[in-house]
Amino acid sequence: MAGRKKQEGDSPNWGGRRENSGRPKKEYIENVKEILSEHIDQGMVIEKLGELINKGDYRAIDLFMKYVHGTPKQSVDVKMDGKQDINFTLSNLINFKEDE
């Protein structure tokens, strides 16, 4: 998708880098983590998570499992029954104008 060209009346800051745009800076994220850690009792959070897990809350269980045990590896089972033709050339996949 092509962007539009600068036109008369556009802001002088049109295009390029702008303040407060894009991904937050690492320092900002670290500051937010620090503030949250200071004001939220982690013991209370763990207790609440335990309560939700005991009630069978799937999202709480999923969160716990992902943070404690990690996300399971996903695998793809590729089986060939011998009937597939795996010998091909690029011309079998693409039609060029002169071939039509």
N, C-alpha and C. Protein backbone atom coordinates (compact mmCIF):
# COMPACT_ATOMS: atom_id res chain seq x y z
N MET A 1 0.85 -1.17 0.00
CA MET A 1 0.00 0.00 0.00
C MET A 1 0.90 1.23 0.00
N ALA A 2 0.76 2.06 -1.01
CA ALA A 2 1.58 3.27 -1.11
C ALA A 2 0.94 4.40 -0.32
N GLY A 3 1.78 5.19 0.34
CA GLY A 3 1.28 6.32 1.11
C GLY A 3 0.99 7.51 0.19
N ARG A 4 0.27 8.47 0.71
CA ARG A 4 -0.03 9.64 -0.11
C ARG A 4 1.13 10.61 -0.06
N LYS A 5 1.20 11.49 -1.04
CA LYS A 5 2.27 12.48 -1.11
C LYS A 5 1.88 13.70 -0.30
N LYS A 6 2.89 14.39 0.20
CA LYS A 6 2.65 15.61 0.99
C LYS A 6 1.94 16.64 0.11
N GLN A 7 0.92 17.25 0.71
CA GLN A 7 0.13 18.23 -0.02
C GLN A 7 0.17 19.56 0.70
N GLU A 8 -0.21 20.61 -0.02
CA GLU A 8 -0.25 21.94 0.57
C GLU A 8 -1.24 21.93 1.74
N GLY A 9 -0.86 22.53 2.85
CA GLY A 9 -1.72 22.56 4.02
C GLY A 9 -1.39 21.47 5.03
N ASP A 10 -0.51 20.53 4.63
CA ASP A 10 -0.09 19.49 5.58
C ASP A 10 0.78 20.11 6.65
N SER A 11 0.78 19.53 7.81
CA SER A 11 1.59 19.97 8.93
C SER A 11 3.08 19.92 8.54
N PRO A 12 3.89 20.83 9.08
CA PRO A 12 5.33 20.78 8.79
C PRO A 12 5.97 19.52 9.36
N ASN A 13 5.30 18.85 10.30
CA ASN A 13 5.82 17.61 10.87
C ASN A 13 5.30 16.38 10.14
N TRP A 14 4.76 16.57 8.94
CA TRP A 14 4.18 15.48 8.19
C TRP A 14 5.25 14.45 7.86
N GLY A 15 4.96 13.20 8.16
CA GLY A 15 5.90 12.12 7.86
C GLY A 15 7.07 12.10 8.82
N GLY A 16 7.85 11.08 8.75
CA GLY A 16 9.04 11.00 9.58
C GLY A 16 8.72 10.69 11.03
N ARG A 17 9.72 10.85 11.87
CA ARG A 17 9.59 10.52 13.29
C ARG A 17 8.82 11.61 14.02
N ARG A 18 7.86 11.18 14.87
CA ARG A 18 7.08 12.12 15.66
C ARG A 18 7.14 11.73 17.12
N GLU A 19 7.09 12.73 17.97
CA GLU A 19 7.10 12.50 19.41
C GLU A 19 5.88 11.70 19.82
N ASN A 20 6.07 10.79 20.77
CA ASN A 20 5.00 9.94 21.32
C ASN A 20 4.36 9.01 20.30
N SER A 21 5.08 8.67 19.24
CA SER A 21 4.54 7.71 18.28
C SER A 21 5.38 6.45 18.33
N GLY A 22 4.80 5.34 17.93
CA GLY A 22 5.54 4.09 17.90
C GLY A 22 5.53 3.37 19.24
N ARG A 23 6.42 2.42 19.37
CA ARG A 23 6.51 1.59 20.56
C ARG A 23 7.04 2.39 21.74
N PRO A 24 6.48 2.15 22.95
CA PRO A 24 6.99 2.86 24.13
C PRO A 24 8.46 2.52 24.39
N LYS A 25 9.20 3.47 24.90
CA LYS A 25 10.61 3.27 25.20
C LYS A 25 10.76 2.29 26.36
N LYS A 26 11.88 1.56 26.37
CA LYS A 26 12.13 0.57 27.41
C LYS A 26 12.10 1.20 28.79
N GLU A 27 12.64 2.41 28.92
CA GLU A 27 12.66 3.09 30.21
C GLU A 27 11.24 3.33 30.72
N TYR A 28 10.33 3.67 29.82
CA TYR A 28 8.94 3.91 30.18
C TYR A 28 8.31 2.63 30.72
N ILE A 29 8.53 1.53 30.01
CA ILE A 29 7.97 0.24 30.42
C ILE A 29 8.52 -0.16 31.79
N GLU A 30 9.83 0.01 31.98
CA GLU A 30 10.44 -0.33 33.26
C GLU A 30 9.87 0.54 34.38
N ASN A 31 9.61 1.81 34.11
CA ASN A 31 9.04 2.72 35.09
C ASN A 31 7.63 2.26 35.48
N VAL A 32 6.83 1.85 34.50
CA VAL A 32 5.48 1.38 34.77
C VAL A 32 5.54 0.12 35.63
N LYS A 33 6.45 -0.80 35.31
CA LYS A 33 6.60 -2.02 36.11
C LYS A 33 6.96 -1.69 37.55
N GLU A 34 7.87 -0.74 37.73
CA GLU A 34 8.30 -0.34 39.07
C GLU A 34 7.14 0.26 39.87
N ILE A 35 6.38 1.14 39.24
CA ILE A 35 5.24 1.77 39.92
C ILE A 35 4.21 0.71 40.31
N LEU A 36 3.91 -0.20 39.40
CA LEU A 36 2.93 -1.25 39.71
C LEU A 36 3.42 -2.13 40.85
N SER A 37 4.71 -2.48 40.83
CA SER A 37 5.26 -3.32 41.89
C SER A 37 5.20 -2.64 43.25
N GLU A 38 5.35 -1.33 43.28
CA GLU A 38 5.30 -0.58 44.54
C GLU A 38 3.89 -0.49 45.11
N HIS A 39 2.88 -0.47 44.23
CA HIS A 39 1.52 -0.20 44.67
C HIS A 39 0.59 -1.40 44.67
N ILE A 40 1.05 -2.52 44.17
CA ILE A 40 0.19 -3.71 44.15
C ILE A 40 0.88 -4.80 44.97
N ASP A 41 0.15 -5.34 45.92
CA ASP A 41 0.67 -6.41 46.77
C ASP A 41 0.71 -7.71 45.97
N GLN A 42 1.92 -8.19 45.70
CA GLN A 42 2.07 -9.40 44.89
C GLN A 42 1.45 -10.62 45.56
N GLY A 43 1.50 -10.66 46.89
CA GLY A 43 0.86 -11.77 47.62
C GLY A 43 -0.63 -11.82 47.36
N MET A 44 -1.27 -10.64 47.31
CA MET A 44 -2.70 -10.57 47.04
C MET A 44 -2.99 -11.05 45.62
N VAL A 45 -2.13 -10.69 44.69
CA VAL A 45 -2.32 -11.11 43.29
C VAL A 45 -2.23 -12.63 43.19
N ILE A 46 -1.24 -13.21 43.86
CA ILE A 46 -1.06 -14.67 43.84
C ILE A 46 -2.25 -15.36 44.50
N GLU A 47 -2.72 -14.79 45.60
CA GLU A 47 -3.89 -15.35 46.29
C GLU A 47 -5.12 -15.33 45.39
N LYS A 48 -5.35 -14.19 44.72
CA LYS A 48 -6.51 -14.06 43.82
C LYS A 48 -6.39 -15.03 42.65
N LEU A 49 -5.18 -15.17 42.10
CA LEU A 49 -4.97 -16.11 41.00
C LEU A 49 -5.29 -17.52 41.46
N GLY A 50 -4.85 -17.87 42.69
CA GLY A 50 -5.16 -19.19 43.25
C GLY A 50 -6.65 -19.42 43.40
N GLU A 51 -7.37 -18.40 43.85
CA GLU A 51 -8.83 -18.50 43.99
C GLU A 51 -9.48 -18.77 42.64
N LEU A 52 -9.05 -18.02 41.64
CA LEU A 52 -9.62 -18.20 40.30
C LEU A 52 -9.32 -19.59 39.75
N ILE A 53 -8.11 -20.07 39.98
CA ILE A 53 -7.75 -21.41 39.52
C ILE A 53 -8.61 -22.45 40.22
N ASN A 54 -8.80 -22.30 41.53
CA ASN A 54 -9.64 -23.25 42.29
C ASN A 54 -11.09 -23.25 41.82
N LYS A 55 -11.56 -22.11 41.28
CA LYS A 55 -12.93 -22.04 40.76
C LYS A 55 -13.01 -22.62 39.34
N GLY A 56 -11.84 -22.96 38.76
CA GLY A 56 -11.84 -23.53 37.41
C GLY A 56 -11.78 -22.50 36.30
N ASP A 57 -11.38 -21.27 36.62
CA ASP A 57 -11.27 -20.21 35.62
C ASP A 57 -10.18 -20.59 34.61
N TYR A 58 -10.60 -20.88 33.39
CA TYR A 58 -9.68 -21.34 32.36
C TYR A 58 -8.56 -20.32 32.09
N ARG A 59 -8.91 -19.05 32.03
CA ARG A 59 -7.90 -18.02 31.72
C ARG A 59 -6.84 -17.94 32.81
N ALA A 60 -7.25 -18.10 34.08
CA ALA A 60 -6.29 -18.08 35.18
C ALA A 60 -5.39 -19.31 35.11
N ILE A 61 -5.97 -20.46 34.81
CA ILE A 61 -5.19 -21.69 34.69
C ILE A 61 -4.20 -21.56 33.54
N ASP A 62 -4.66 -21.03 32.41
CA ASP A 62 -3.81 -20.85 31.23
C ASP A 62 -2.65 -19.91 31.53
N LEU A 63 -2.95 -18.80 32.20
CA LEU A 63 -1.92 -17.83 32.57
C LEU A 63 -0.87 -18.48 33.47
N PHE A 64 -1.33 -19.21 34.49
CA PHE A 64 -0.43 -19.89 35.41
C PHE A 64 0.46 -20.88 34.67
N MET A 65 -0.14 -21.71 33.84
CA MET A 65 0.62 -22.74 33.13
C MET A 65 1.66 -22.13 32.19
N LYS A 66 1.30 -21.06 31.50
CA LYS A 66 2.23 -20.44 30.55
C LYS A 66 3.41 -19.79 31.26
N TYR A 67 3.15 -19.16 32.41
CA TYR A 67 4.24 -18.50 33.12
C TYR A 67 5.10 -19.48 33.90
N VAL A 68 4.51 -20.53 34.44
CA VAL A 68 5.27 -21.48 35.25
C VAL A 68 5.95 -22.54 34.38
N HIS A 69 5.23 -23.08 33.41
CA HIS A 69 5.75 -24.19 32.62
C HIS A 69 6.09 -23.80 31.18
N GLY A 70 5.74 -22.62 30.76
CA GLY A 70 6.03 -22.17 29.40
C GLY A 70 4.96 -22.64 28.42
N THR A 71 4.96 -22.02 27.26
CA THR A 71 4.01 -22.41 26.22
C THR A 71 4.49 -23.69 25.57
N PRO A 72 3.60 -24.68 25.43
CA PRO A 72 4.03 -25.95 24.82
C PRO A 72 4.50 -25.75 23.38
N LYS A 73 5.47 -26.55 23.01
CA LYS A 73 5.94 -26.51 21.62
C LYS A 73 4.84 -27.03 20.72
N GLN A 74 4.69 -26.37 19.59
CA GLN A 74 3.70 -26.82 18.63
C GLN A 74 4.41 -27.60 17.54
N SER A 75 3.82 -28.69 17.15
CA SER A 75 4.44 -29.49 16.10
C SER A 75 3.42 -29.72 14.98
N VAL A 76 3.95 -29.96 13.82
CA VAL A 76 3.12 -30.24 12.66
C VAL A 76 3.47 -31.65 12.20
N ASP A 77 2.46 -32.49 12.09
CA ASP A 77 2.68 -33.87 11.65
C ASP A 77 2.53 -33.92 10.14
N VAL A 78 3.62 -34.22 9.46
CA VAL A 78 3.60 -34.30 8.00
C VAL A 78 3.74 -35.76 7.63
N LYS A 79 2.68 -36.32 7.10
CA LYS A 79 2.71 -37.73 6.68
C LYS A 79 2.51 -37.79 5.18
N MET A 80 3.25 -38.66 4.57
CA MET A 80 3.13 -38.87 3.13
C MET A 80 2.67 -40.30 2.92
N ASP A 81 1.65 -40.49 2.10
CA ASP A 81 1.19 -41.85 1.85
C ASP A 81 1.76 -42.40 0.55
N GLY A 82 2.67 -41.66 -0.04
CA GLY A 82 3.32 -42.13 -1.27
C GLY A 82 2.57 -41.76 -2.54
N LYS A 83 1.37 -41.21 -2.40
CA LYS A 83 0.58 -40.87 -3.59
C LYS A 83 0.85 -39.45 -4.08
N GLN A 84 1.47 -38.62 -3.24
CA GLN A 84 1.73 -37.24 -3.63
C GLN A 84 2.94 -37.20 -4.56
N ASP A 85 2.83 -36.35 -5.57
CA ASP A 85 3.95 -36.14 -6.49
C ASP A 85 4.73 -34.94 -5.98
N ILE A 86 5.90 -35.19 -5.39
CA ILE A 86 6.69 -34.10 -4.85
C ILE A 86 7.72 -33.60 -5.86
N ASN A 87 7.74 -34.17 -7.05
CA ASN A 87 8.64 -33.69 -8.10
C ASN A 87 7.90 -32.66 -8.94
N PHE A 88 8.34 -31.43 -8.84
CA PHE A 88 7.69 -30.37 -9.59
C PHE A 88 8.73 -29.36 -10.03
N THR A 89 8.34 -28.57 -11.00
CA THR A 89 9.21 -27.48 -11.46
C THR A 89 8.43 -26.18 -11.30
N LEU A 90 9.15 -25.08 -11.33
CA LEU A 90 8.52 -23.78 -11.18
C LEU A 90 7.45 -23.56 -12.24
N SER A 91 7.67 -24.07 -13.43
CA SER A 91 6.69 -23.87 -14.50
C SER A 91 5.38 -24.58 -14.20
N ASN A 92 5.40 -25.61 -13.33
CA ASN A 92 4.16 -26.27 -12.94
C ASN A 92 3.33 -25.39 -12.01
N LEU A 93 3.96 -24.43 -11.35
CA LEU A 93 3.27 -23.61 -10.38
C LEU A 93 2.86 -22.25 -10.89
N ILE A 94 3.58 -21.72 -11.88
CA ILE A 94 3.34 -20.35 -12.35
C ILE A 94 3.08 -20.37 -13.84
N ASN A 95 2.05 -19.64 -14.25
CA ASN A 95 1.79 -19.46 -15.68
C ASN A 95 2.32 -18.11 -16.09
N PHE A 96 3.20 -18.09 -17.07
CA PHE A 96 3.73 -16.84 -17.60
C PHE A 96 2.89 -16.44 -18.80
N LYS A 97 2.89 -15.14 -19.13
CA LYS A 97 2.05 -14.63 -20.21
C LYS A 97 2.27 -15.38 -21.51
N GLU A 98 3.53 -15.65 -21.85
CA GLU A 98 3.79 -16.31 -23.11
C GLU A 98 3.31 -17.76 -23.13
N ASP A 99 3.08 -18.36 -21.93
CA ASP A 99 2.61 -19.74 -21.86
C ASP A 99 1.09 -19.84 -22.03
N GLU A 100 0.39 -18.74 -21.84
CA GLU A 100 -1.09 -18.77 -21.88
C GLU A 100 -1.62 -18.97 -23.25
